[in-house]
């Protein structure tokens, strides 16, 4: 209940009740409300500047999570990029040179894929952090293209490795008869005195002297393309197609252990030494033909000789001893 206020009237020498108008009450109420608003605003400002609201706390937590994920994603992306760079370096410096293939040019590895507009078209308008997202999209796109190019290169190297492995097994890389003591090479490749015709002429292979019946081996993997008996010059002969441009010929044989069309492996017995055709003694006449040109077989005796033995076999083949046949 509001207290009634009085004042002392000197004229009447008595206390009289103070009469207040409604307007004065309204003014006082407004003044009190204004003071309360001022104090409330000050207290609210002080609270808001000193303490975070639940919504702000939620936003802060979200921002911290986004920042953590951003750094984690950036670290992982950089790690992947580093791995790709290391793989590219090994590919250019080790893998491709090992197979005599030129490194992939840098401009191909770093081929462009368009500007930022390409990625903007992929995003919704008004998206927050658009620049950050475009940066990641461009880095990921570059990484994808680099990985694709690298995978193509590794596929190529893999095919080259398979081809190299196949070539090494098909290469005529051993002697056609067992010659551990290096005493069976009777005559080498080159101009030699013909023992029957009595003139010098080209001897297109090597003669290995051995008793009749001595095994003759395929010098590399391949396919039998000829088994001919009674040839006037070579006598009983066999030809093997090794692929990659290589063909080997074995002449003056006594018997065959294979037939035309048969696949053979290096070291497999294909027949036996004989004295057939234009021959003066039992031996195996051996030729290596590369791209239709007869070459020195000694250059291919790689797998069954040491370095010292190889040097010795070259010396023996260079001596102008008469062939045992042609």
Protein backbone atom coordinates (compact mmCIF):
# COMPACT_ATOMS: atom_id res chain seq x y z
CA UNK A 1 0.00 0.00 0.00
CA UNK A 2 1.39 3.42 -0.98
CA UNK A 3 2.17 5.70 1.89
CA UNK A 4 0.18 8.93 2.19
CA UNK A 5 2.40 11.99 2.33
CA UNK A 6 1.61 15.23 4.24
CA UNK A 7 3.04 18.72 4.39
CA UNK A 8 2.78 21.43 7.12
CA UNK A 9 0.67 24.36 6.13
CA UNK A 10 1.91 27.46 8.02
CA UNK A 11 -1.16 29.44 7.25
CA UNK A 12 -3.50 26.92 8.77
CA UNK A 13 -0.92 25.59 11.23
CA UNK A 14 -1.91 22.06 10.32
CA UNK A 15 -0.70 19.06 8.29
CA UNK A 16 -2.40 18.64 5.00
CA UNK A 17 -2.36 15.72 2.60
CA UNK A 18 -0.20 16.09 -0.46
CA UNK A 19 -2.26 15.52 -3.53
CA UNK A 20 -0.31 13.98 -6.49
CA UNK A 21 -1.42 14.22 -10.04
CA UNK A 22 -1.52 11.21 -12.33
CA UNK A 23 0.99 12.87 -14.64
CA UNK A 24 3.60 13.04 -11.92
CA UNK A 25 3.12 9.32 -11.23
CA UNK A 26 3.59 8.51 -14.88
CA UNK A 27 6.78 10.58 -15.05
CA UNK A 28 8.22 8.86 -12.01
CA UNK A 29 7.30 5.43 -13.40
CA UNK A 30 8.94 6.25 -16.71
CA UNK A 31 12.06 7.51 -14.93
CA UNK A 32 12.26 4.38 -12.84
CA UNK A 33 11.81 2.19 -15.92
CA UNK A 34 14.55 4.11 -17.75
CA UNK A 35 16.96 3.64 -14.87
CA UNK A 36 16.15 -0.06 -14.77
CA UNK A 37 16.72 -0.38 -18.52
CA UNK A 38 20.08 1.40 -18.21
CA UNK A 39 21.21 -0.77 -15.34
CA UNK A 40 19.90 -3.90 -17.07
CA UNK A 41 21.73 -3.06 -20.28
CA UNK A 42 24.96 -2.44 -18.38
CA UNK A 43 24.63 -5.73 -16.52
CA UNK A 44 23.72 -7.59 -19.75
CA UNK A 45 26.71 -6.09 -21.59
CA UNK A 46 29.03 -6.98 -18.73
CA UNK A 47 27.71 -10.57 -18.68
CA UNK A 48 27.87 -11.06 -22.44
CA UNK A 49 31.42 -9.70 -22.67
CA UNK A 50 32.56 -11.88 -19.78
CA UNK A 51 30.72 -15.12 -20.54
CA UNK A 52 29.85 -16.97 -23.81
CA UNK A 53 26.30 -17.86 -24.56
CA UNK A 54 25.34 -21.54 -25.17
CA UNK A 55 25.00 -20.77 -28.87
CA UNK A 56 28.43 -19.16 -28.97
CA UNK A 57 29.89 -22.08 -27.05
CA UNK A 58 28.38 -24.43 -29.62
CA UNK A 59 29.84 -22.37 -32.49
CA UNK A 60 33.26 -22.30 -30.82
CA UNK A 61 33.20 -26.09 -30.46
CA UNK A 62 32.19 -26.51 -34.09
CA UNK A 63 34.96 -24.19 -35.23
CA UNK A 64 37.52 -26.08 -33.16
CA UNK A 65 36.35 -29.37 -34.69
CA UNK A 66 36.49 -27.92 -38.20
CA UNK A 67 39.98 -26.55 -37.57
CA UNK A 68 41.16 -29.92 -36.24
CA UNK A 69 39.69 -31.77 -39.22
CA UNK A 70 41.16 -29.21 -41.60
CA UNK A 71 44.68 -29.69 -40.21
CA UNK A 72 44.25 -33.48 -40.22
CA UNK A 73 42.99 -33.48 -43.82
CA UNK A 74 45.76 -31.11 -44.90
CA UNK A 75 48.37 -33.36 -43.26
CA UNK A 76 46.99 -36.48 -44.94
CA UNK A 77 46.83 -34.78 -48.33
CA UNK A 78 50.42 -33.57 -48.04
CA UNK A 79 51.50 -37.07 -47.04
CA UNK A 80 49.83 -38.53 -50.13
CA UNK A 81 51.42 -35.89 -52.33
CA UNK A 82 54.84 -36.69 -50.85
CA UNK A 83 54.34 -40.41 -51.53
CA UNK A 84 53.36 -39.71 -55.14
CA UNK A 85 56.43 -37.47 -55.62
CA UNK A 86 58.71 -40.20 -54.22
CA UNK A 87 57.10 -42.80 -56.47
CA UNK A 88 57.52 -40.50 -59.48
CA UNK A 89 61.18 -40.00 -58.61
CA UNK A 90 61.82 -43.75 -58.32
CA UNK A 91 59.94 -44.28 -61.57
CA UNK A 92 62.00 -41.68 -63.45
CA UNK A 93 65.38 -42.50 -61.87
CA UNK A 94 65.18 -46.29 -61.40
CA UNK A 95 62.29 -48.15 -63.00
CA UNK A 96 62.16 -46.58 -66.45
CA UNK A 97 65.95 -46.20 -66.96
CA UNK A 98 66.37 -49.85 -65.98
CA UNK A 99 64.29 -50.77 -69.02
CA UNK A 100 65.89 -48.06 -71.20
CA UNK A 101 62.71 -45.98 -71.32
CA UNK A 102 62.74 -42.18 -71.17
CA UNK A 103 61.31 -40.58 -67.99
CA UNK A 104 57.85 -39.05 -68.24
CA UNK A 105 58.17 -35.28 -68.95
CA UNK A 106 57.26 -32.98 -66.06
CA UNK A 107 54.71 -31.10 -68.15
CA UNK A 108 52.78 -34.35 -68.58
CA UNK A 109 52.99 -35.26 -64.90
CA UNK A 110 51.80 -31.75 -63.94
CA UNK A 111 49.22 -31.40 -66.74
CA UNK A 112 46.70 -28.67 -65.98
CA UNK A 113 43.01 -29.35 -65.57
CA UNK A 114 41.43 -25.89 -65.81
CA UNK A 115 41.10 -22.92 -63.48
CA UNK A 116 39.13 -22.37 -60.31
CA UNK A 117 35.95 -21.70 -62.28
CA UNK A 118 35.75 -25.42 -62.98
CA UNK A 119 35.45 -26.11 -59.26
CA UNK A 120 33.14 -23.16 -58.58
CA UNK A 121 30.64 -24.68 -60.96
CA UNK A 122 30.66 -27.80 -58.80
CA UNK A 123 29.64 -25.90 -55.64
CA UNK A 124 26.39 -24.36 -54.48
CA UNK A 125 26.15 -20.57 -54.54
CA UNK A 126 26.75 -18.80 -51.26
CA UNK A 127 28.66 -21.71 -49.77
CA UNK A 128 30.84 -20.72 -46.84
CA UNK A 129 34.63 -21.27 -47.07
CA UNK A 130 34.35 -21.54 -50.84
CA UNK A 131 38.03 -20.67 -51.35
CA UNK A 132 39.18 -23.36 -48.95
CA UNK A 133 37.01 -26.01 -50.61
CA UNK A 134 38.19 -25.01 -54.10
CA UNK A 135 41.81 -25.27 -52.93
CA UNK A 136 41.24 -28.82 -51.70
CA UNK A 137 39.31 -29.82 -54.82
CA UNK A 138 42.12 -28.61 -57.08
CA UNK A 139 44.80 -30.39 -54.99
CA UNK A 140 42.83 -33.63 -54.95
CA UNK A 141 42.18 -33.38 -58.70
CA UNK A 142 45.91 -32.88 -59.36
CA UNK A 143 46.73 -35.83 -57.13
CA UNK A 144 44.23 -38.03 -58.99
CA UNK A 145 45.73 -37.09 -62.36
CA UNK A 146 49.28 -37.69 -61.09
CA UNK A 147 48.29 -41.09 -59.71
CA UNK A 148 46.60 -42.01 -63.00
CA UNK A 149 49.69 -41.05 -65.02
CA UNK A 150 51.90 -42.94 -62.57
CA UNK A 151 49.71 -46.04 -62.75
CA UNK A 152 49.96 -45.93 -66.55
CA UNK A 153 53.74 -45.71 -66.27
CA UNK A 154 53.90 -48.64 -63.84
CA UNK A 155 51.71 -50.68 -66.18
CA UNK A 156 54.16 -49.93 -68.97
CA UNK A 157 57.13 -50.87 -66.79
CA UNK A 158 55.34 -54.05 -65.73
CA UNK A 159 54.84 -55.04 -69.37
CA UNK A 160 58.48 -54.24 -70.08
CA UNK A 161 59.51 -56.40 -67.12
CA UNK A 162 57.43 -59.29 -68.41
CA UNK A 163 58.91 -58.82 -71.89
CA UNK A 164 62.44 -58.61 -70.45
CA UNK A 165 61.90 -61.75 -68.42
CA UNK A 166 60.54 -63.54 -71.48
CA UNK A 167 63.42 -62.24 -73.61
CA UNK A 168 66.01 -63.46 -71.10
CA UNK A 169 64.52 -66.96 -71.13
CA UNK A 170 64.28 -67.04 -74.94
CA UNK A 171 67.70 -65.57 -75.63
CA UNK A 172 70.11 -68.25 -76.99
CA UNK A 173 72.48 -67.82 -74.06
CA UNK A 174 74.23 -71.21 -73.57
CA UNK A 175 76.44 -73.50 -75.65
CA UNK A 176 74.59 -76.24 -77.56
CA UNK A 177 76.75 -79.04 -76.15
CA UNK A 178 78.32 -79.53 -72.74
CA UNK A 179 81.73 -77.84 -72.89
CA UNK A 180 82.85 -77.36 -69.30
CA UNK A 181 86.56 -77.70 -70.13
CA UNK A 182 86.25 -75.46 -73.21
CA UNK A 183 87.89 -78.11 -75.42
CA UNK A 184 85.03 -78.78 -77.81
CA UNK A 185 84.98 -75.52 -79.72
CA UNK A 186 86.69 -76.69 -82.92
CA UNK A 187 86.11 -73.64 -85.12
CA UNK A 188 84.59 -70.21 -84.73
CA UNK A 189 82.61 -67.66 -86.71
CA UNK A 190 84.23 -65.88 -89.68
CA UNK A 191 86.33 -66.54 -92.76
CA UNK A 192 87.76 -70.06 -92.57
CA UNK A 193 89.52 -72.51 -94.85
CA UNK A 194 86.99 -75.00 -96.18
CA UNK A 195 88.29 -78.52 -95.43
CA UNK A 196 86.62 -80.08 -98.47
CA UNK A 197 86.51 -77.32 -101.08
CA UNK A 198 90.03 -76.15 -100.24
CA UNK A 199 89.12 -72.44 -100.32
CA UNK A 200 88.42 -69.71 -97.78
CA UNK A 201 84.80 -68.91 -97.27
CA UNK A 202 82.50 -67.57 -94.57
CA UNK A 203 81.83 -69.96 -91.72
CA UNK A 204 78.49 -68.65 -90.34
CA UNK A 205 78.57 -70.42 -86.99
CA UNK A 206 80.62 -72.40 -84.48
CA UNK A 207 81.60 -76.09 -84.63
CA UNK A 208 81.60 -78.13 -81.41
CA UNK A 209 83.56 -81.38 -81.71
CA UNK A 210 81.98 -84.26 -79.76
CA UNK A 211 81.45 -88.02 -80.13
CA UNK A 212 78.42 -89.20 -82.05
CA UNK A 213 75.44 -89.44 -79.72
CA UNK A 214 76.50 -86.52 -77.48
CA UNK A 215 73.36 -84.58 -76.41
CA UNK A 216 72.59 -81.29 -78.12
CA UNK A 217 70.64 -78.74 -76.07
CA UNK A 218 68.26 -75.94 -77.01
CA UNK A 219 70.12 -72.75 -76.14
CA UNK A 220 66.96 -70.82 -75.29
CA UNK A 221 63.20 -71.22 -75.00
CA UNK A 222 61.45 -71.39 -78.34
CA UNK A 223 59.55 -73.38 -80.93
CA UNK A 224 60.90 -75.98 -83.37
CA UNK A 225 60.30 -74.63 -86.86
CA UNK A 226 62.38 -77.12 -88.86
CA UNK A 227 63.52 -80.74 -88.52
CA UNK A 228 65.19 -81.64 -91.80
CA UNK A 229 67.07 -84.83 -92.62
CA UNK A 230 69.64 -85.38 -95.38
CA UNK A 231 70.39 -81.75 -96.20
CA UNK A 232 73.41 -81.78 -98.54
CA UNK A 233 75.34 -79.22 -96.51
CA UNK A 234 73.98 -79.29 -92.94
CA UNK A 235 72.94 -82.95 -92.93
CA UNK A 236 70.28 -83.57 -90.31
CA UNK A 237 69.41 -80.15 -88.94
CA UNK A 238 67.00 -78.41 -86.56
CA UNK A 239 65.94 -74.76 -86.39
CA UNK A 240 64.38 -73.10 -83.34
CA UNK A 241 62.48 -69.81 -83.43
CA UNK A 242 63.10 -68.06 -80.07
CA UNK A 243 61.06 -64.98 -80.86
CA UNK A 244 62.36 -61.40 -80.54
CA UNK A 245 64.07 -61.87 -83.93
CA UNK A 246 66.24 -64.84 -82.86
CA UNK A 247 66.56 -68.20 -84.65
CA UNK A 248 69.17 -70.91 -83.91
CA UNK A 249 70.31 -73.69 -86.22
CA UNK A 250 71.88 -77.04 -85.26
CA UNK A 251 73.51 -79.10 -88.04
CA UNK A 252 75.13 -82.49 -88.78
CA UNK A 253 72.99 -84.23 -86.13
CA UNK A 254 72.57 -87.99 -85.89
CA UNK A 255 69.09 -88.14 -84.32
CA UNK A 256 66.24 -85.85 -83.27
CA UNK A 257 64.43 -85.78 -79.93
CA UNK A 258 61.84 -83.20 -80.98
CA UNK A 259 59.45 -82.54 -83.84
CA UNK A 260 58.29 -79.49 -85.74
CA UNK A 261 55.85 -77.26 -83.85
CA UNK A 262 57.05 -78.44 -80.44
CA UNK A 263 57.81 -75.90 -77.71
CA UNK A 264 61.18 -76.37 -76.02
CA UNK A 265 62.97 -74.90 -73.01
CA UNK A 266 66.57 -73.81 -72.66
CA UNK A 267 68.72 -76.82 -71.75
CA UNK A 268 66.25 -79.35 -73.16
CA UNK A 269 67.80 -82.12 -75.29
CA UNK A 270 66.69 -81.69 -78.91
CA UNK A 271 68.93 -84.32 -80.54
CA UNK A 272 72.43 -85.79 -80.69
CA UNK A 273 75.75 -85.06 -82.34
CA UNK A 274 76.35 -86.78 -85.68
CA UNK A 275 78.48 -86.70 -88.83
CA UNK A 276 75.83 -86.08 -91.49
CA UNK A 277 75.93 -83.76 -94.48
CA UNK A 278 79.08 -81.91 -95.51
CA UNK A 279 81.09 -82.95 -92.45
CA UNK A 280 84.60 -84.34 -91.83
CA UNK A 281 84.05 -85.54 -88.25
CA UNK A 282 81.28 -85.83 -85.64
CA UNK A 283 80.34 -82.36 -84.43
CA UNK A 284 77.50 -79.89 -83.95
CA UNK A 285 77.43 -76.90 -86.25
CA UNK A 286 75.64 -74.10 -84.41
CA UNK A 287 74.35 -70.80 -85.79
CA UNK A 288 72.58 -67.77 -84.27
CA UNK A 289 70.44 -65.71 -86.66
CA UNK A 290 69.18 -62.31 -85.52
CA UNK A 291 66.70 -60.46 -87.73
CA UNK A 292 67.68 -62.74 -90.65
CA UNK A 293 71.39 -61.97 -90.25
CA UNK A 294 73.83 -64.65 -89.08
CA UNK A 295 75.82 -63.37 -86.10
CA UNK A 296 78.67 -64.70 -83.97
CA UNK A 297 77.22 -67.26 -81.53
CA UNK A 298 80.08 -66.66 -79.07
CA UNK A 299 78.61 -63.25 -78.27
CA UNK A 300 75.63 -65.03 -76.69
CA UNK A 301 77.41 -67.57 -74.46
CA UNK A 302 76.42 -65.67 -71.31
CA UNK A 303 74.77 -68.07 -68.89
CA UNK A 304 77.16 -71.01 -68.63
CA UNK A 305 80.55 -69.26 -68.57
CA UNK A 306 82.49 -67.20 -66.05
CA UNK A 307 84.15 -63.99 -67.19
CA UNK A 308 87.47 -65.81 -67.51
CA UNK A 309 85.91 -68.69 -69.44
CA UNK A 310 84.13 -66.25 -71.73
CA UNK A 311 87.42 -64.50 -72.53
CA UNK A 312 88.98 -67.90 -73.28
CA UNK A 313 86.13 -68.99 -75.54
CA UNK A 314 86.47 -65.74 -77.50
CA UNK A 315 90.19 -66.42 -77.93
CA UNK A 316 89.55 -69.97 -79.11
CA UNK A 317 86.84 -68.89 -81.55
CA UNK A 318 89.12 -66.29 -83.11
CA UNK A 319 91.75 -68.88 -84.06
CA UNK A 320 91.56 -69.71 -87.77
CA UNK A 321 91.12 -73.44 -87.40
CA UNK A 322 89.40 -75.27 -90.21
CA UNK A 323 85.72 -76.01 -89.69
CA UNK A 324 84.54 -79.60 -89.45
CA UNK A 325 81.70 -78.86 -91.82
CA UNK A 326 79.40 -76.21 -93.28
